[in-house]
Every structure is written in structure tokens, then in C-alpha cells.
Amino acid sequence: MLHTAVTHNQPVILKFLLKAYPNACVSVDTPLGSAFANPDLPTLEALRSHDPSIVNYAMEQNDGFDTLLMDYCRGGDPRLPGYLLNNGVDPDLGGLRSWALS
């Protein structure tokens, strides 16, 4: 259900589910993985309020690891990178520094 709420950009439903199931896992393999594919600020805010560490999760890609920050800097909602930077993301994770300098 969490995955579906994220995929369909339903942050109100997501918040309800996370409140109803406080031990729900929002790891990369579940709702957070969907947040990579479906960037939405209210959804990201709901996931972060449940687990603040999600801002630093990285997903394995063919050529290494992508963080949410790396992915959101490539396009989509221009508010997302700023939100992450203002909410504890480590910009050095996932090789971002070497990617940005190359």
C-alpha cells in the first residue's frame, strides 16, 4: 500500500498509512524506491517525517550508486534538491562530488 501511495503521488494517504503503521519500512526496496521514479515534494516530506535518514539513501545503479539528490538534480521538480539540502542530505554520498567535478 505504501508503494502505491507513493507511485500515485498520494501524500495524504501515505501519511495516514505511516501513522497507522509506525514501524513501516520505507527503505530503498519499498516506498523510497518509488520516490526515485516518482519525485513529488509532499510525498518526500511524508517519507522524511517518518524516517529522516531517507534523505541519504542510495540506490544501486549499473554504474554505481545514485542518491536522491543526484537523481533529483537531473530533472523534475526544482524544489526537491533544495529540500534535501535543507533537510540533512550529505552531498558527498554516492560519488556526487566526483560526478559534479567531472
N, C-alpha and C. Protein backbone atom coordinates (compact mmCIF):
# COMPACT_ATOMS: atom_id res chain seq x y z
N MET A 1 0.82 -1.19 0.00
CA MET A 1 0.00 0.00 0.00
C MET A 1 0.86 1.26 0.00
N LEU A 2 1.97 1.23 0.75
CA LEU A 2 2.86 2.40 0.78
C LEU A 2 3.40 2.68 -0.62
N HIS A 3 3.83 1.63 -1.30
CA HIS A 3 4.36 1.77 -2.65
C HIS A 3 3.32 2.42 -3.57
N THR A 4 2.07 1.98 -3.49
CA THR A 4 1.01 2.52 -4.33
C THR A 4 0.74 3.98 -4.02
N ALA A 5 0.74 4.34 -2.75
CA ALA A 5 0.53 5.74 -2.37
C ALA A 5 1.63 6.63 -2.93
N VAL A 6 2.87 6.15 -2.90
CA VAL A 6 3.99 6.93 -3.44
C VAL A 6 3.90 7.01 -4.96
N THR A 7 3.67 5.88 -5.60
CA THR A 7 3.60 5.82 -7.06
C THR A 7 2.53 6.74 -7.63
N HIS A 8 1.42 6.86 -6.90
CA HIS A 8 0.31 7.68 -7.37
C HIS A 8 0.29 9.07 -6.73
N ASN A 9 1.42 9.46 -6.13
CA ASN A 9 1.55 10.79 -5.52
C ASN A 9 0.37 11.14 -4.62
N GLN A 10 0.17 10.28 -3.62
CA GLN A 10 -0.92 10.46 -2.66
C GLN A 10 -0.34 10.65 -1.25
N PRO A 11 0.26 11.84 -0.98
CA PRO A 11 0.91 12.04 0.31
C PRO A 11 -0.05 11.99 1.50
N VAL A 12 -1.30 12.36 1.32
CA VAL A 12 -2.26 12.29 2.44
C VAL A 12 -2.48 10.84 2.84
N ILE A 13 -2.67 9.99 1.86
CA ILE A 13 -2.83 8.55 2.14
C ILE A 13 -1.55 7.99 2.73
N LEU A 14 -0.41 8.38 2.18
CA LEU A 14 0.88 7.93 2.69
C LEU A 14 1.05 8.30 4.17
N LYS A 15 0.74 9.55 4.52
CA LYS A 15 0.85 9.99 5.92
C LYS A 15 -0.07 9.17 6.81
N PHE A 16 -1.30 8.90 6.34
CA PHE A 16 -2.24 8.10 7.12
C PHE A 16 -1.68 6.70 7.37
N LEU A 17 -1.17 6.07 6.31
CA LEU A 17 -0.61 4.72 6.45
C LEU A 17 0.60 4.69 7.37
N LEU A 18 1.47 5.69 7.25
CA LEU A 18 2.66 5.72 8.11
C LEU A 18 2.28 5.97 9.57
N LYS A 19 1.21 6.72 9.79
CA LYS A 19 0.74 6.94 11.16
C LYS A 19 0.10 5.66 11.71
N ALA A 20 -0.65 4.97 10.86
CA ALA A 20 -1.31 3.73 11.28
C ALA A 20 -0.31 2.60 11.50
N TYR A 21 0.79 2.63 10.76
CA TYR A 21 1.82 1.59 10.85
C TYR A 21 3.17 2.25 11.13
N PRO A 22 3.39 2.68 12.38
CA PRO A 22 4.61 3.43 12.70
C PRO A 22 5.91 2.66 12.49
N ASN A 23 5.85 1.35 12.43
CA ASN A 23 7.06 0.55 12.20
C ASN A 23 7.25 0.19 10.74
N ALA A 24 6.49 0.80 9.86
CA ALA A 24 6.59 0.50 8.44
C ALA A 24 7.99 0.84 7.93
N CYS A 25 8.49 -0.01 7.08
CA CYS A 25 9.82 0.17 6.49
C CYS A 25 9.69 1.02 5.23
N VAL A 26 10.47 2.09 5.16
CA VAL A 26 10.46 2.95 3.97
C VAL A 26 11.82 2.89 3.28
N SER A 27 12.39 1.71 3.25
CA SER A 27 13.73 1.54 2.67
C SER A 27 13.70 1.68 1.16
N VAL A 28 14.86 1.61 0.57
CA VAL A 28 15.02 1.76 -0.88
C VAL A 28 14.19 0.74 -1.64
N ASP A 29 14.05 -0.46 -1.12
CA ASP A 29 13.34 -1.52 -1.85
C ASP A 29 11.83 -1.34 -1.84
N THR A 30 11.33 -0.42 -1.05
CA THR A 30 9.87 -0.25 -0.94
C THR A 30 9.47 1.16 -1.37
N PRO A 31 8.82 1.95 -0.53
CA PRO A 31 8.35 3.26 -0.98
C PRO A 31 9.43 4.21 -1.46
N LEU A 32 10.60 4.15 -0.88
CA LEU A 32 11.64 5.09 -1.30
C LEU A 32 12.09 4.81 -2.72
N GLY A 33 12.15 3.56 -3.10
CA GLY A 33 12.48 3.24 -4.49
C GLY A 33 11.47 3.85 -5.45
N SER A 34 10.22 3.87 -5.04
CA SER A 34 9.19 4.51 -5.86
C SER A 34 9.37 6.02 -5.90
N ALA A 35 9.91 6.59 -4.83
CA ALA A 35 10.14 8.03 -4.80
C ALA A 35 11.23 8.44 -5.79
N PHE A 36 12.17 7.54 -6.07
CA PHE A 36 13.17 7.81 -7.10
C PHE A 36 12.47 7.99 -8.45
N ALA A 37 11.54 7.09 -8.73
CA ALA A 37 10.87 7.09 -10.03
C ALA A 37 9.73 8.09 -10.13
N ASN A 38 9.18 8.52 -9.00
CA ASN A 38 8.03 9.41 -8.98
C ASN A 38 8.29 10.58 -8.04
N PRO A 39 9.20 11.48 -8.41
CA PRO A 39 9.55 12.57 -7.50
C PRO A 39 8.37 13.51 -7.23
N ASP A 40 8.12 13.73 -5.96
CA ASP A 40 7.00 14.57 -5.53
C ASP A 40 7.34 15.12 -4.15
N LEU A 41 7.37 16.44 -4.00
CA LEU A 41 7.79 17.05 -2.74
C LEU A 41 6.92 16.65 -1.56
N PRO A 42 5.58 16.72 -1.63
CA PRO A 42 4.78 16.30 -0.47
C PRO A 42 5.01 14.84 -0.08
N THR A 43 5.23 13.98 -1.07
CA THR A 43 5.50 12.57 -0.77
C THR A 43 6.85 12.43 -0.08
N LEU A 44 7.86 13.13 -0.59
CA LEU A 44 9.18 13.08 0.03
C LEU A 44 9.13 13.62 1.46
N GLU A 45 8.37 14.69 1.68
CA GLU A 45 8.22 15.23 3.03
C GLU A 45 7.59 14.21 3.97
N ALA A 46 6.58 13.49 3.49
CA ALA A 46 5.92 12.47 4.32
C ALA A 46 6.88 11.34 4.66
N LEU A 47 7.66 10.89 3.67
CA LEU A 47 8.63 9.82 3.92
C LEU A 47 9.71 10.29 4.89
N ARG A 48 10.19 11.50 4.71
CA ARG A 48 11.24 12.04 5.58
C ARG A 48 10.74 12.24 7.01
N SER A 49 9.49 12.64 7.17
CA SER A 49 8.97 12.82 8.52
C SER A 49 8.87 11.49 9.26
N HIS A 50 8.70 10.42 8.51
CA HIS A 50 8.65 9.07 9.10
C HIS A 50 10.05 8.56 9.40
N ASP A 51 11.00 8.83 8.51
CA ASP A 51 12.37 8.36 8.67
C ASP A 51 13.33 9.40 8.09
N PRO A 52 13.84 10.32 8.94
CA PRO A 52 14.71 11.39 8.44
C PRO A 52 15.96 10.91 7.69
N SER A 53 16.40 9.70 7.94
CA SER A 53 17.61 9.22 7.28
C SER A 53 17.41 8.91 5.80
N ILE A 54 16.17 8.89 5.33
CA ILE A 54 15.95 8.54 3.92
C ILE A 54 16.59 9.52 2.96
N VAL A 55 16.87 10.74 3.42
CA VAL A 55 17.48 11.72 2.51
C VAL A 55 18.86 11.25 2.04
N ASN A 56 19.48 10.34 2.76
CA ASN A 56 20.83 9.87 2.40
C ASN A 56 20.86 8.45 1.84
N TYR A 57 19.71 7.87 1.57
CA TYR A 57 19.72 6.54 0.97
C TYR A 57 20.26 6.60 -0.44
N ALA A 58 20.93 5.55 -0.85
CA ALA A 58 21.44 5.45 -2.21
C ALA A 58 20.89 4.18 -2.83
N MET A 59 20.63 4.26 -4.11
CA MET A 59 20.14 3.10 -4.87
C MET A 59 21.23 2.64 -5.81
N GLU A 60 21.45 1.34 -5.85
CA GLU A 60 22.47 0.80 -6.75
C GLU A 60 21.98 0.92 -8.20
N GLN A 61 22.85 1.43 -9.02
CA GLN A 61 22.59 1.55 -10.45
C GLN A 61 23.67 0.77 -11.18
N ASN A 62 23.58 0.65 -12.47
CA ASN A 62 24.57 -0.11 -13.26
C ASN A 62 25.98 0.42 -13.07
N ASP A 63 26.12 1.73 -12.98
CA ASP A 63 27.45 2.33 -12.91
C ASP A 63 27.82 2.83 -11.52
N GLY A 64 27.17 2.35 -10.49
CA GLY A 64 27.48 2.77 -9.13
C GLY A 64 26.22 3.00 -8.33
N PHE A 65 26.25 4.05 -7.54
CA PHE A 65 25.11 4.36 -6.68
C PHE A 65 24.58 5.75 -6.99
N ASP A 66 23.28 5.89 -6.98
CA ASP A 66 22.61 7.18 -7.11
C ASP A 66 21.92 7.50 -5.80
N THR A 67 22.08 8.71 -5.34
CA THR A 67 21.33 9.18 -4.19
C THR A 67 20.10 9.93 -4.70
N LEU A 68 19.17 10.20 -3.80
CA LEU A 68 18.02 11.01 -4.18
C LEU A 68 18.47 12.36 -4.72
N LEU A 69 19.48 12.95 -4.07
CA LEU A 69 19.97 14.26 -4.51
C LEU A 69 20.48 14.19 -5.94
N MET A 70 21.28 13.18 -6.25
CA MET A 70 21.81 13.04 -7.60
C MET A 70 20.67 12.89 -8.60
N ASP A 71 19.72 12.06 -8.27
CA ASP A 71 18.61 11.79 -9.17
C ASP A 71 17.76 13.05 -9.38
N TYR A 72 17.47 13.75 -8.31
CA TYR A 72 16.60 14.92 -8.40
C TYR A 72 17.30 16.11 -9.04
N CYS A 73 18.63 16.15 -9.01
CA CYS A 73 19.37 17.22 -9.69
C CYS A 73 19.32 17.06 -11.21
N ARG A 74 19.02 15.87 -11.66
CA ARG A 74 18.97 15.61 -13.11
C ARG A 74 17.69 16.11 -13.75
N GLY A 75 16.70 16.42 -12.97
CA GLY A 75 15.45 16.90 -13.54
C GLY A 75 14.28 16.68 -12.61
N GLY A 76 13.15 17.16 -13.06
CA GLY A 76 11.95 17.03 -12.26
C GLY A 76 11.66 18.30 -11.49
N ASP A 77 11.04 18.18 -10.35
CA ASP A 77 10.65 19.32 -9.53
C ASP A 77 11.89 20.03 -9.02
N PRO A 78 12.10 21.29 -9.40
CA PRO A 78 13.32 22.00 -8.99
C PRO A 78 13.40 22.28 -7.49
N ARG A 79 12.31 22.09 -6.75
CA ARG A 79 12.33 22.29 -5.29
C ARG A 79 12.98 21.13 -4.55
N LEU A 80 13.03 19.95 -5.17
CA LEU A 80 13.49 18.75 -4.47
C LEU A 80 14.95 18.80 -4.03
N PRO A 81 15.90 19.21 -4.88
CA PRO A 81 17.29 19.27 -4.40
C PRO A 81 17.45 20.23 -3.21
N GLY A 82 16.81 21.38 -3.28
CA GLY A 82 16.89 22.33 -2.17
C GLY A 82 16.28 21.78 -0.89
N TYR A 83 15.17 21.06 -1.03
CA TYR A 83 14.54 20.44 0.14
C TYR A 83 15.51 19.46 0.79
N LEU A 84 16.14 18.62 -0.03
CA LEU A 84 17.09 17.66 0.52
C LEU A 84 18.27 18.35 1.19
N LEU A 85 18.82 19.38 0.54
CA LEU A 85 19.96 20.10 1.11
C LEU A 85 19.60 20.80 2.41
N ASN A 86 18.37 21.24 2.54
CA ASN A 86 17.93 21.89 3.78
C ASN A 86 17.50 20.91 4.86
N ASN A 87 17.49 19.63 4.52
CA ASN A 87 16.99 18.63 5.48
C ASN A 87 17.96 17.49 5.72
N GLY A 88 19.25 17.80 5.69
CA GLY A 88 20.25 16.86 6.18
C GLY A 88 20.91 15.95 5.18
N VAL A 89 20.69 16.13 3.88
CA VAL A 89 21.35 15.25 2.91
C VAL A 89 22.85 15.51 2.93
N ASP A 90 23.63 14.45 2.75
CA ASP A 90 25.08 14.56 2.64
C ASP A 90 25.41 14.59 1.15
N PRO A 91 25.80 15.75 0.60
CA PRO A 91 26.03 15.83 -0.84
C PRO A 91 27.25 15.04 -1.32
N ASP A 92 28.06 14.52 -0.42
CA ASP A 92 29.23 13.74 -0.80
C ASP A 92 28.93 12.26 -0.97
N LEU A 93 27.74 11.82 -0.64
CA LEU A 93 27.39 10.41 -0.78
C LEU A 93 27.17 10.04 -2.23
N GLY A 94 27.43 8.80 -2.56
CA GLY A 94 27.15 8.27 -3.88
C GLY A 94 28.04 8.80 -4.97
N GLY A 95 29.16 9.37 -4.60
CA GLY A 95 30.09 9.87 -5.61
C GLY A 95 29.67 11.19 -6.21
N LEU A 96 28.77 11.92 -5.54
CA LEU A 96 28.26 13.17 -6.10
C LEU A 96 29.39 14.15 -6.32
N ARG A 97 30.33 14.24 -5.39
CA ARG A 97 31.42 15.21 -5.54
C ARG A 97 32.21 14.94 -6.83
N SER A 98 32.60 13.69 -7.07
CA SER A 98 33.37 13.40 -8.27
C SER A 98 32.49 13.57 -9.52
N TRP A 99 31.20 13.27 -9.40
CA TRP A 99 30.29 13.46 -10.53
C TRP A 99 30.16 14.93 -10.86
N ALA A 100 30.05 15.77 -9.83
CA ALA A 100 29.86 17.19 -10.06
C ALA A 100 31.11 17.86 -10.62
N LEU A 101 32.27 17.32 -10.29
CA LEU A 101 33.52 17.95 -10.73
C LEU A 101 33.98 17.43 -12.10
N SER A 102 33.40 16.34 -12.55
CA SER A 102 33.86 15.78 -13.83
C SER A 102 33.24 16.47 -15.02
